[in-house]
PDB file of all heavy atoms in Angstrom:
ATOM      1  N   MET A   1      -3.686  -3.237   8.062  1.00  0.00           N
ATOM      2  CA  MET A   1      -4.239  -2.968   6.720  1.00  0.00           C
ATOM      3  C   MET A   1      -5.667  -2.558   6.948  1.00  0.00           C
ATOM      4  O   MET A   1      -6.404  -2.898   7.926  1.00  0.00           O
ATOM      5  CB  MET A   1      -4.279  -4.282   5.956  1.00  0.00           C
ATOM      6  CG  MET A   1      -4.667  -4.191   4.493  1.00  0.00           C
ATOM      7  SD  MET A   1      -4.147  -5.613   3.490  1.00  0.00           S
ATOM      8  CE  MET A   1      -5.398  -6.772   4.093  1.00  0.00           C
ATOM      9  N   LEU A   2      -6.084  -1.758   5.988  1.00  0.00           N
ATOM     10  CA  LEU A   2      -7.432  -1.290   5.907  1.00  0.00           C
ATOM     11  C   LEU A   2      -8.125  -1.758   4.655  1.00  0.00           C
ATOM     12  O   LEU A   2      -7.505  -1.551   3.602  1.00  0.00           O
ATOM     13  CB  LEU A   2      -7.561   0.255   6.031  1.00  0.00           C
ATOM     14  CG  LEU A   2      -8.977   0.870   5.905  1.00  0.00           C
ATOM     15  CD1 LEU A   2      -9.845   0.502   7.134  1.00  0.00           C
ATOM     16  CD2 LEU A   2      -8.748   2.411   5.902  1.00  0.00           C
ATOM     17  N   ILE A   3      -9.245  -2.415   4.695  1.00  0.00           N
ATOM     18  CA  ILE A   3     -10.026  -2.907   3.449  1.00  0.00           C
ATOM     19  C   ILE A   3     -11.193  -2.085   3.328  1.00  0.00           C
ATOM     20  O   ILE A   3     -12.005  -1.934   4.197  1.00  0.00           O
ATOM     21  CB  ILE A   3     -10.361  -4.378   3.563  1.00  0.00           C
ATOM     22  CG1 ILE A   3      -9.122  -5.267   3.735  1.00  0.00           C
ATOM     23  CG2 ILE A   3     -11.184  -4.833   2.367  1.00  0.00           C
ATOM     24  CD1 ILE A   3      -9.421  -6.764   3.933  1.00  0.00           C
ATOM     25  N   ILE A   4     -11.274  -1.565   2.069  1.00  0.00           N
ATOM     26  CA  ILE A   4     -12.406  -0.616   1.738  1.00  0.00           C
ATOM     27  C   ILE A   4     -13.036  -1.215   0.496  1.00  0.00           C
ATOM     28  O   ILE A   4     -12.513  -1.173  -0.596  1.00  0.00           O
ATOM     29  CB  ILE A   4     -11.992   0.832   1.468  1.00  0.00           C
ATOM     30  CG1 ILE A   4     -11.242   1.391   2.691  1.00  0.00           C
ATOM     31  CG2 ILE A   4     -13.252   1.644   1.056  1.00  0.00           C
ATOM     32  CD1 ILE A   4     -12.096   1.697   3.808  1.00  0.00           C
ATOM     33  N   PRO A   5     -14.218  -1.861   0.585  1.00  0.00           N
ATOM     34  CA  PRO A   5     -14.893  -2.383  -0.625  1.00  0.00           C
ATOM     35  C   PRO A   5     -15.180  -1.209  -1.535  1.00  0.00           C
ATOM     36  O   PRO A   5     -15.580  -0.041  -1.062  1.00  0.00           O
ATOM     37  CB  PRO A   5     -16.172  -2.945  -0.066  1.00  0.00           C
ATOM     38  CG  PRO A   5     -15.923  -3.252   1.384  1.00  0.00           C
ATOM     39  CD  PRO A   5     -15.002  -2.160   1.820  1.00  0.00           C
ATOM     40  N   ARG A   6     -15.084  -1.467  -2.847  1.00  0.00           N
ATOM     41  CA  ARG A   6     -15.262  -0.384  -3.834  1.00  0.00           C
ATOM     42  C   ARG A   6     -16.617  -0.619  -4.581  1.00  0.00           C
ATOM     43  O   ARG A   6     -17.231  -1.609  -4.410  1.00  0.00           O
ATOM     44  CB  ARG A   6     -14.104  -0.381  -4.852  1.00  0.00           C
ATOM     45  CG  ARG A   6     -12.835   0.004  -4.186  1.00  0.00           C
ATOM     46  CD  ARG A   6     -12.842   1.458  -3.670  1.00  0.00           C
ATOM     47  NE  ARG A   6     -13.252   2.348  -4.687  1.00  0.00           N
ATOM     48  CZ  ARG A   6     -12.374   3.106  -5.405  1.00  0.00           C
ATOM     49  NH1 ARG A   6     -11.068   2.899  -5.234  1.00  0.00           N
ATOM     50  NH2 ARG A   6     -12.802   3.966  -6.401  1.00  0.00           N
ATOM     51  N   GLU A   7     -16.999   0.389  -5.270  1.00  0.00           N
ATOM     52  CA  GLU A   7     -18.199   0.355  -6.100  1.00  0.00           C
ATOM     53  C   GLU A   7     -18.136  -0.724  -7.047  1.00  0.00           C
ATOM     54  O   GLU A   7     -17.104  -1.272  -7.480  1.00  0.00           O
ATOM     55  CB  GLU A   7     -18.479   1.672  -6.776  1.00  0.00           C
ATOM     56  CG  GLU A   7     -17.383   2.135  -7.774  1.00  0.00           C
ATOM     57  CD  GLU A   7     -16.172   2.793  -7.243  1.00  0.00           C
ATOM     58  OE1 GLU A   7     -15.934   2.672  -5.983  1.00  0.00           O
ATOM     59  OE2 GLU A   7     -15.441   3.400  -8.064  1.00  0.00           O
ATOM     60  N   GLY A   8     -19.296  -1.200  -7.495  1.00  0.00           N
ATOM     61  CA  GLY A   8     -19.480  -2.245  -8.517  1.00  0.00           C
ATOM     62  C   GLY A   8     -19.588  -3.591  -8.011  1.00  0.00           C
ATOM     63  O   GLY A   8     -19.933  -4.514  -8.740  1.00  0.00           O
ATOM     64  N   GLY A   9     -19.311  -3.898  -6.762  1.00  0.00           N
ATOM     65  CA  GLY A   9     -19.580  -5.162  -6.082  1.00  0.00           C
ATOM     66  C   GLY A   9     -18.386  -6.216  -6.098  1.00  0.00           C
ATOM     67  O   GLY A   9     -18.473  -7.189  -5.469  1.00  0.00           O
ATOM     68  N   TYR A  10     -17.273  -5.830  -6.833  1.00  0.00           N
ATOM     69  CA  TYR A  10     -16.191  -6.832  -6.991  1.00  0.00           C
ATOM     70  C   TYR A  10     -14.818  -6.183  -6.600  1.00  0.00           C
ATOM     71  O   TYR A  10     -13.992  -6.977  -6.067  1.00  0.00           O
ATOM     72  CB  TYR A  10     -16.148  -7.331  -8.438  1.00  0.00           C
ATOM     73  CG  TYR A  10     -17.411  -8.007  -8.863  1.00  0.00           C
ATOM     74  CD1 TYR A  10     -18.276  -7.266  -9.710  1.00  0.00           C
ATOM     75  CD2 TYR A  10     -17.656  -9.302  -8.516  1.00  0.00           C
ATOM     76  CE1 TYR A  10     -19.477  -7.916 -10.047  1.00  0.00           C
ATOM     77  CE2 TYR A  10     -18.878  -9.925  -8.964  1.00  0.00           C
ATOM     78  CZ  TYR A  10     -19.757  -9.281  -9.752  1.00  0.00           C
ATOM     79  OH  TYR A  10     -20.860  -9.856 -10.173  1.00  0.00           O
ATOM     80  N   MET A  11     -14.706  -5.014  -6.696  1.00  0.00           N
ATOM     81  CA  MET A  11     -13.323  -4.384  -6.486  1.00  0.00           C
ATOM     82  C   MET A  11     -13.237  -3.996  -5.039  1.00  0.00           C
ATOM     83  O   MET A  11     -14.173  -3.576  -4.354  1.00  0.00           O
ATOM     84  CB  MET A  11     -13.099  -3.122  -7.386  1.00  0.00           C
ATOM     85  CG  MET A  11     -11.715  -2.576  -7.370  1.00  0.00           C
ATOM     86  SD  MET A  11     -11.381  -1.531  -8.758  1.00  0.00           S
ATOM     87  CE  MET A  11     -12.439  -0.099  -8.418  1.00  0.00           C
ATOM     88  N   VAL A  12     -11.945  -4.022  -4.471  1.00  0.00           N
ATOM     89  CA  VAL A  12     -11.671  -3.591  -3.161  1.00  0.00           C
ATOM     90  C   VAL A  12     -10.435  -2.695  -3.178  1.00  0.00           C
ATOM     91  O   VAL A  12      -9.583  -2.845  -4.062  1.00  0.00           O
ATOM     92  CB  VAL A  12     -11.588  -4.748  -2.080  1.00  0.00           C
ATOM     93  CG1 VAL A  12     -12.833  -5.511  -1.974  1.00  0.00           C
ATOM     94  CG2 VAL A  12     -10.434  -5.601  -2.529  1.00  0.00           C
ATOM     95  N   ARG A  13     -10.335  -1.868  -2.135  1.00  0.00           N
ATOM     96  CA  ARG A  13      -9.167  -1.018  -1.969  1.00  0.00           C
ATOM     97  C   ARG A  13      -8.512  -1.556  -0.693  1.00  0.00           C
ATOM     98  O   ARG A  13      -9.090  -1.781   0.331  1.00  0.00           O
ATOM     99  CB  ARG A  13      -9.460   0.518  -1.844  1.00  0.00           C
ATOM    100  CG  ARG A  13      -8.224   1.312  -1.429  1.00  0.00           C
ATOM    101  CD  ARG A  13      -8.463   2.774  -1.598  1.00  0.00           C
ATOM    102  NE  ARG A  13      -8.521   3.060  -3.038  1.00  0.00           N
ATOM    103  CZ  ARG A  13      -8.377   4.422  -3.618  1.00  0.00           C
ATOM    104  NH1 ARG A  13      -8.319   5.407  -2.763  1.00  0.00           N
ATOM    105  NH2 ARG A  13      -8.410   4.599  -4.839  1.00  0.00           N
ATOM    106  N   LEU A  14      -7.102  -1.696  -0.838  1.00  0.00           N
ATOM    107  CA  LEU A  14      -6.336  -2.140   0.279  1.00  0.00           C
ATOM    108  C   LEU A  14      -5.337  -1.063   0.680  1.00  0.00           C
ATOM    109  O   LEU A  14      -4.544  -0.636  -0.235  1.00  0.00           O
ATOM    110  CB  LEU A  14      -5.622  -3.443  -0.160  1.00  0.00           C
ATOM    111  CG  LEU A  14      -6.321  -4.623  -0.674  1.00  0.00           C
ATOM    112  CD1 LEU A  14      -5.422  -5.777  -1.010  1.00  0.00           C
ATOM    113  CD2 LEU A  14      -7.495  -5.090   0.279  1.00  0.00           C
ATOM    114  N   TYR A  15      -5.399  -0.681   1.880  1.00  0.00           N
ATOM    115  CA  TYR A  15      -4.338   0.297   2.455  1.00  0.00           C
ATOM    116  C   TYR A  15      -3.406  -0.610   3.251  1.00  0.00           C
ATOM    117  O   TYR A  15      -3.818  -1.287   4.266  1.00  0.00           O
ATOM    118  CB  TYR A  15      -4.997   1.302   3.341  1.00  0.00           C
ATOM    119  CG  TYR A  15      -5.636   2.413   2.594  1.00  0.00           C
ATOM    120  CD1 TYR A  15      -7.055   2.496   2.554  1.00  0.00           C
ATOM    121  CD2 TYR A  15      -4.942   3.390   1.904  1.00  0.00           C
ATOM    122  CE1 TYR A  15      -7.668   3.483   1.829  1.00  0.00           C
ATOM    123  CE2 TYR A  15      -5.503   4.411   1.296  1.00  0.00           C
ATOM    124  CZ  TYR A  15      -6.937   4.420   1.213  1.00  0.00           C
ATOM    125  OH  TYR A  15      -7.626   5.481   0.621  1.00  0.00           O
ATOM    126  N   ILE A  16      -2.186  -0.734   2.880  1.00  0.00           N
ATOM    127  CA  ILE A  16      -1.286  -1.669   3.342  1.00  0.00           C
ATOM    128  C   ILE A  16      -0.045  -0.949   4.123  1.00  0.00           C
ATOM    129  O   ILE A  16       0.631  -0.169   3.535  1.00  0.00           O
ATOM    130  CB  ILE A  16      -0.696  -2.643   2.287  1.00  0.00           C
ATOM    131  CG1 ILE A  16      -1.926  -3.349   1.673  1.00  0.00           C
ATOM    132  CG2 ILE A  16       0.289  -3.627   2.903  1.00  0.00           C
ATOM    133  CD1 ILE A  16      -1.582  -3.835   0.277  1.00  0.00           C
ATOM    134  N   GLU A  17       0.212  -1.322   5.328  1.00  0.00           N
ATOM    135  CA  GLU A  17       1.311  -0.692   6.067  1.00  0.00           C
ATOM    136  C   GLU A  17       2.697  -1.234   5.506  1.00  0.00           C
ATOM    137  O   GLU A  17       2.806  -2.405   5.401  1.00  0.00           O
ATOM    138  CB  GLU A  17       1.187  -1.020   7.584  1.00  0.00           C
ATOM    139  CG  GLU A  17       2.254  -0.357   8.415  1.00  0.00           C
ATOM    140  CD  GLU A  17       2.135  -0.653   9.867  1.00  0.00           C
ATOM    141  OE1 GLU A  17       1.511  -1.669  10.216  1.00  0.00           O
ATOM    142  OE2 GLU A  17       2.743   0.112  10.651  1.00  0.00           O
ATOM    143  N   LEU A  18       3.552  -0.317   5.310  1.00  0.00           N
ATOM    144  CA  LEU A  18       4.859  -0.602   4.873  1.00  0.00           C
ATOM    145  C   LEU A  18       5.824  -0.321   6.067  1.00  0.00           C
ATOM    146  O   LEU A  18       5.362  -0.025   7.230  1.00  0.00           O
ATOM    147  CB  LEU A  18       5.373   0.144   3.685  1.00  0.00           C
ATOM    148  CG  LEU A  18       4.366  -0.082   2.410  1.00  0.00           C
ATOM    149  CD1 LEU A  18       4.842   0.818   1.295  1.00  0.00           C
ATOM    150  CD2 LEU A  18       4.293  -1.578   2.019  1.00  0.00           C
ATOM    151  N   ASP A  19       7.104  -0.306   5.864  1.00  0.00           N
ATOM    152  CA  ASP A  19       8.033  -0.092   6.927  1.00  0.00           C
ATOM    153  C   ASP A  19       8.073   1.277   7.542  1.00  0.00           C
ATOM    154  O   ASP A  19       7.858   2.241   6.772  1.00  0.00           O
ATOM    155  CB  ASP A  19       9.447  -0.523   6.500  1.00  0.00           C
ATOM    156  CG  ASP A  19       9.546  -1.989   6.128  1.00  0.00           C
ATOM    157  OD1 ASP A  19       8.825  -2.805   6.725  1.00  0.00           O
ATOM    158  OD2 ASP A  19      10.391  -2.307   5.269  1.00  0.00           O
ATOM    159  N   LYS A  20       8.414   1.350   8.804  1.00  0.00           N
ATOM    160  CA  LYS A  20       8.624   2.694   9.391  1.00  0.00           C
ATOM    161  C   LYS A  20       9.931   3.347   8.667  1.00  0.00           C
ATOM    162  O   LYS A  20      10.789   2.660   8.260  1.00  0.00           O
ATOM    163  CB  LYS A  20       8.890   2.629  10.810  1.00  0.00           C
ATOM    164  CG  LYS A  20       7.678   2.205  11.652  1.00  0.00           C
ATOM    165  CD  LYS A  20       6.944   3.484  12.169  1.00  0.00           C
ATOM    166  CE  LYS A  20       5.956   3.128  13.253  1.00  0.00           C
ATOM    167  NZ  LYS A  20       5.012   2.039  12.964  1.00  0.00           N
ATOM    168  N   LEU A  21       9.796   4.696   8.567  1.00  0.00           N
ATOM    169  CA  LEU A  21      10.906   5.352   7.935  1.00  0.00           C
ATOM    170  C   LEU A  21      11.728   6.060   9.033  1.00  0.00           C
ATOM    171  O   LEU A  21      11.248   6.462  10.044  1.00  0.00           O
ATOM    172  CB  LEU A  21      10.438   6.476   7.003  1.00  0.00           C
ATOM    173  CG  LEU A  21       9.541   5.915   5.789  1.00  0.00           C
ATOM    174  CD1 LEU A  21       8.933   7.128   5.009  1.00  0.00           C
ATOM    175  CD2 LEU A  21      10.274   4.981   4.922  1.00  0.00           C
ATOM    176  N   GLN A  22      13.058   6.168   8.744  1.00  0.00           N
ATOM    177  CA  GLN A  22      13.844   6.954   9.715  1.00  0.00           C
ATOM    178  C   GLN A  22      13.651   8.411   9.467  1.00  0.00           C
ATOM    179  O   GLN A  22      13.075   8.904   8.458  1.00  0.00           O
ATOM    180  CB  GLN A  22      15.384   6.576   9.350  1.00  0.00           C
ATOM    181  CG  GLN A  22      15.694   5.166   9.562  1.00  0.00           C
ATOM    182  CD  GLN A  22      15.397   4.599  10.919  1.00  0.00           C
ATOM    183  OE1 GLN A  22      15.736   5.221  11.909  1.00  0.00           O
ATOM    184  NE2 GLN A  22      14.763   3.441  11.069  1.00  0.00           N
ATOM    185  N   GLU A  23      14.099   9.253  10.513  1.00  0.00           N
ATOM    186  CA  GLU A  23      14.019  10.675  10.372  1.00  0.00           C
ATOM    187  C   GLU A  23      14.631  11.207   9.094  1.00  0.00           C
ATOM    188  O   GLU A  23      15.740  10.896   8.721  1.00  0.00           O
ATOM    189  CB  GLU A  23      14.693  11.276  11.566  1.00  0.00           C
ATOM    190  CG  GLU A  23      14.411  12.855  11.656  1.00  0.00           C
ATOM    191  CD  GLU A  23      14.988  13.443  12.931  1.00  0.00           C
ATOM    192  OE1 GLU A  23      15.462  12.733  13.760  1.00  0.00           O
ATOM    193  OE2 GLU A  23      14.939  14.671  13.030  1.00  0.00           O
ATOM    194  N   ASN A  24      13.806  12.017   8.344  1.00  0.00           N
ATOM    195  CA  ASN A  24      14.208  12.674   7.133  1.00  0.00           C
ATOM    196  C   ASN A  24      14.373  11.577   5.974  1.00  0.00           C
ATOM    197  O   ASN A  24      14.905  11.899   4.897  1.00  0.00           O
ATOM    198  CB  ASN A  24      15.581  13.423   7.257  1.00  0.00           C
ATOM    199  CG  ASN A  24      15.370  14.547   8.238  1.00  0.00           C
ATOM    200  OD1 ASN A  24      14.330  15.200   8.242  1.00  0.00           O
ATOM    201  ND2 ASN A  24      16.409  14.729   9.003  1.00  0.00           N
ATOM    202  N   GLN A  25      13.969  10.358   6.129  1.00  0.00           N
ATOM    203  CA  GLN A  25      14.058   9.411   5.160  1.00  0.00           C
ATOM    204  C   GLN A  25      12.803   9.412   4.189  1.00  0.00           C
ATOM    205  O   GLN A  25      11.701   9.567   4.733  1.00  0.00           O
ATOM    206  CB  GLN A  25      14.170   7.958   5.697  1.00  0.00           C
ATOM    207  CG  GLN A  25      14.267   6.853   4.649  1.00  0.00           C
ATOM    208  CD  GLN A  25      14.259   5.533   5.312  1.00  0.00           C
ATOM    209  OE1 GLN A  25      14.148   5.266   6.496  1.00  0.00           O
ATOM    210  NE2 GLN A  25      14.401   4.459   4.537  1.00  0.00           N
ATOM    211  N   ARG A  26      12.920   9.297   2.912  1.00  0.00           N
ATOM    212  CA  ARG A  26      11.804   9.195   2.046  1.00  0.00           C
ATOM    213  C   ARG A  26      11.734   7.786   1.462  1.00  0.00           C
ATOM    214  O   ARG A  26      12.696   7.123   1.292  1.00  0.00           O
ATOM    215  CB  ARG A  26      11.947  10.197   0.871  1.00  0.00           C
ATOM    216  CG  ARG A  26      12.085  11.660   1.272  1.00  0.00           C
ATOM    217  CD  ARG A  26      10.884  12.116   2.136  1.00  0.00           C
ATOM    218  NE  ARG A  26       9.587  12.070   1.374  1.00  0.00           N
ATOM    219  CZ  ARG A  26       9.159  12.951   0.605  1.00  0.00           C
ATOM    220  NH1 ARG A  26       9.770  14.171   0.483  1.00  0.00           N
ATOM    221  NH2 ARG A  26       7.965  12.779  -0.030  1.00  0.00           N
ATOM    222  N   ILE A  27      10.521   7.384   1.148  1.00  0.00           N
ATOM    223  CA  ILE A  27      10.364   6.037   0.581  1.00  0.00           C
ATOM    224  C   ILE A  27      10.959   5.866  -0.744  1.00  0.00           C
ATOM    225  O   ILE A  27      10.903   6.835  -1.506  1.00  0.00           O
ATOM    226  CB  ILE A  27       8.809   5.700   0.602  1.00  0.00           C
ATOM    227  CG1 ILE A  27       8.724   4.250   0.335  1.00  0.00           C
ATOM    228  CG2 ILE A  27       8.098   6.506  -0.382  1.00  0.00           C
ATOM    229  CD1 ILE A  27       7.245   3.708   0.505  1.00  0.00           C
ATOM    230  N   SER A  28      11.546   4.718  -1.009  1.00  0.00           N
ATOM    231  CA  SER A  28      12.108   4.439  -2.336  1.00  0.00           C
ATOM    232  C   SER A  28      11.027   3.845  -3.178  1.00  0.00           C
ATOM    233  O   SER A  28      10.774   2.650  -3.039  1.00  0.00           O
ATOM    234  CB  SER A  28      13.343   3.643  -2.173  1.00  0.00           C
ATOM    235  OG  SER A  28      13.791   3.141  -3.479  1.00  0.00           O
ATOM    236  N   ARG A  29      10.415   4.623  -3.958  1.00  0.00           N
ATOM    237  CA  ARG A  29       9.266   4.165  -4.696  1.00  0.00           C
ATOM    238  C   ARG A  29       9.726   3.047  -5.778  1.00  0.00           C
ATOM    239  O   ARG A  29       8.838   2.197  -6.126  1.00  0.00           O
ATOM    240  CB  ARG A  29       8.592   5.215  -5.427  1.00  0.00           C
ATOM    241  CG  ARG A  29       8.000   6.252  -4.407  1.00  0.00           C
ATOM    242  CD  ARG A  29       7.412   7.462  -5.161  1.00  0.00           C
ATOM    243  NE  ARG A  29       6.979   8.516  -4.105  1.00  0.00           N
ATOM    244  CZ  ARG A  29       5.789   8.489  -3.465  1.00  0.00           C
ATOM    245  NH1 ARG A  29       4.920   7.516  -3.725  1.00  0.00           N
ATOM    246  NH2 ARG A  29       5.507   9.385  -2.579  1.00  0.00           N
ATOM    247  N   ASP A  30      10.917   3.074  -6.178  1.00  0.00           N
ATOM    248  CA  ASP A  30      11.387   2.013  -7.131  1.00  0.00           C
ATOM    249  C   ASP A  30      11.461   0.731  -6.533  1.00  0.00           C
ATOM    250  O   ASP A  30      11.452  -0.325  -7.151  1.00  0.00           O
ATOM    251  CB  ASP A  30      12.747   2.437  -7.650  1.00  0.00           C
ATOM    252  CG  ASP A  30      12.686   3.744  -8.617  1.00  0.00           C
ATOM    253  OD1 ASP A  30      11.666   4.034  -9.027  1.00  0.00           O
ATOM    254  OD2 ASP A  30      13.741   4.327  -8.776  1.00  0.00           O
ATOM    255  N   SER A  31      11.569   0.631  -5.199  1.00  0.00           N
ATOM    256  CA  SER A  31      11.694  -0.650  -4.525  1.00  0.00           C
ATOM    257  C   SER A  31      10.331  -1.344  -4.178  1.00  0.00           C
ATOM    258  O   SER A  31      10.305  -2.369  -3.788  1.00  0.00           O
ATOM    259  CB  SER A  31      12.483  -0.454  -3.217  1.00  0.00           C
ATOM    260  OG  SER A  31      11.784   0.343  -2.295  1.00  0.00           O
ATOM    261  N   VAL A  32       9.267  -0.598  -4.394  1.00  0.00           N
ATOM    262  CA  VAL A  32       7.947  -1.007  -4.040  1.00  0.00           C
ATOM    263  C   VAL A  32       7.147  -1.268  -5.318  1.00  0.00           C
ATOM    264  O   VAL A  32       7.108  -0.377  -6.217  1.00  0.00           O
ATOM    265  CB  VAL A  32       7.079   0.000  -3.208  1.00  0.00           C
ATOM    266  CG1 VAL A  32       5.755  -0.540  -2.884  1.00  0.00           C
ATOM    267  CG2 VAL A  32       7.913   0.194  -1.863  1.00  0.00           C
ATOM    268  N   THR A  33       6.685  -2.480  -5.493  1.00  0.00           N
ATOM    269  CA  THR A  33       5.858  -2.798  -6.668  1.00  0.00           C
ATOM    270  C   THR A  33       4.592  -3.252  -6.300  1.00  0.00           C
ATOM    271  O   THR A  33       4.289  -3.568  -5.047  1.00  0.00           O
ATOM    272  CB  THR A  33       6.546  -3.959  -7.477  1.00  0.00           C
ATOM    273  OG1 THR A  33       6.591  -5.119  -6.662  1.00  0.00           O
ATOM    274  CG2 THR A  33       8.046  -3.603  -7.823  1.00  0.00           C
ATOM    275  N   ALA A  34       3.659  -3.488  -7.169  1.00  0.00           N
ATOM    276  CA  ALA A  34       2.298  -4.030  -6.961  1.00  0.00           C
ATOM    277  C   ALA A  34       2.411  -5.463  -6.337  1.00  0.00           C
ATOM    278  O   ALA A  34       1.709  -5.756  -5.306  1.00  0.00           O
ATOM    279  CB  ALA A  34       1.456  -4.094  -8.197  1.00  0.00           C
ATOM    280  N   ASP A  35       3.366  -6.163  -6.876  1.00  0.00           N
ATOM    281  CA  ASP A  35       3.568  -7.535  -6.279  1.00  0.00           C
ATOM    282  C   ASP A  35       4.070  -7.552  -4.851  1.00  0.00           C
ATOM    283  O   ASP A  35       3.721  -8.375  -4.029  1.00  0.00           O
ATOM    284  CB  ASP A  35       4.591  -8.362  -7.103  1.00  0.00           C
ATOM    285  CG  ASP A  35       4.109  -8.741  -8.451  1.00  0.00           C
ATOM    286  OD1 ASP A  35       2.794  -8.740  -8.580  1.00  0.00           O
ATOM    287  OD2 ASP A  35       4.759  -9.012  -9.403  1.00  0.00           O
ATOM    288  N   TYR A  36       4.880  -6.505  -4.496  1.00  0.00           N
ATOM    289  CA  TYR A  36       5.403  -6.364  -3.142  1.00  0.00           C
ATOM    290  C   TYR A  36       4.215  -6.048  -2.290  1.00  0.00           C
ATOM    291  O   TYR A  36       4.099  -6.585  -1.068  1.00  0.00           O
ATOM    292  CB  TYR A  36       6.369  -5.201  -3.137  1.00  0.00           C
ATOM    293  CG  TYR A  36       6.994  -4.818  -1.772  1.00  0.00           C
ATOM    294  CD1 TYR A  36       8.163  -5.361  -1.429  1.00  0.00           C
ATOM    295  CD2 TYR A  36       6.234  -3.999  -0.942  1.00  0.00           C
ATOM    296  CE1 TYR A  36       8.737  -5.069  -0.131  1.00  0.00           C
ATOM    297  CE2 TYR A  36       6.823  -3.710   0.278  1.00  0.00           C
ATOM    298  CZ  TYR A  36       7.990  -4.195   0.695  1.00  0.00           C
ATOM    299  OH  TYR A  36       8.581  -3.875   1.895  1.00  0.00           O
ATOM    300  N   LEU A  37       3.297  -5.235  -2.681  1.00  0.00           N
ATOM    301  CA  LEU A  37       2.113  -4.856  -1.821  1.00  0.00           C
ATOM    302  C   LEU A  37       1.169  -6.062  -1.702  1.00  0.00           C
ATOM    303  O   LEU A  37       0.608  -6.342  -0.556  1.00  0.00           O
ATOM    304  CB  LEU A  37       1.327  -3.706  -2.474  1.00  0.00           C
ATOM    305  CG  LEU A  37       2.093  -2.374  -2.544  1.00  0.00           C
ATOM    306  CD1 LEU A  37       1.170  -1.313  -3.194  1.00  0.00           C
ATOM    307  CD2 LEU A  37       2.472  -1.875  -1.180  1.00  0.00           C
ATOM    308  N   ILE A  38       0.936  -6.916  -2.718  1.00  0.00           N
ATOM    309  CA  ILE A  38       0.157  -8.045  -2.726  1.00  0.00           C
ATOM    310  C   ILE A  38       0.716  -9.032  -1.754  1.00  0.00           C
ATOM    311  O   ILE A  38      -0.013  -9.629  -0.850  1.00  0.00           O
ATOM    312  CB  ILE A  38       0.007  -8.632  -4.095  1.00  0.00           C
ATOM    313  CG1 ILE A  38      -0.850  -7.729  -5.063  1.00  0.00           C
ATOM    314  CG2 ILE A  38      -0.730 -10.023  -4.018  1.00  0.00           C
ATOM    315  CD1 ILE A  38      -0.748  -8.110  -6.479  1.00  0.00           C
TER     316      ILE A  38
END
């Protein structure tokens, strides 16, 4: 994960690693939610 503090003093950005994809596989966006990332 990469944490980037954001402007304003309170907000942060989180870059979160998800699963590796197989060749020619695309991520199923419907299966990923904000709660999943948290």
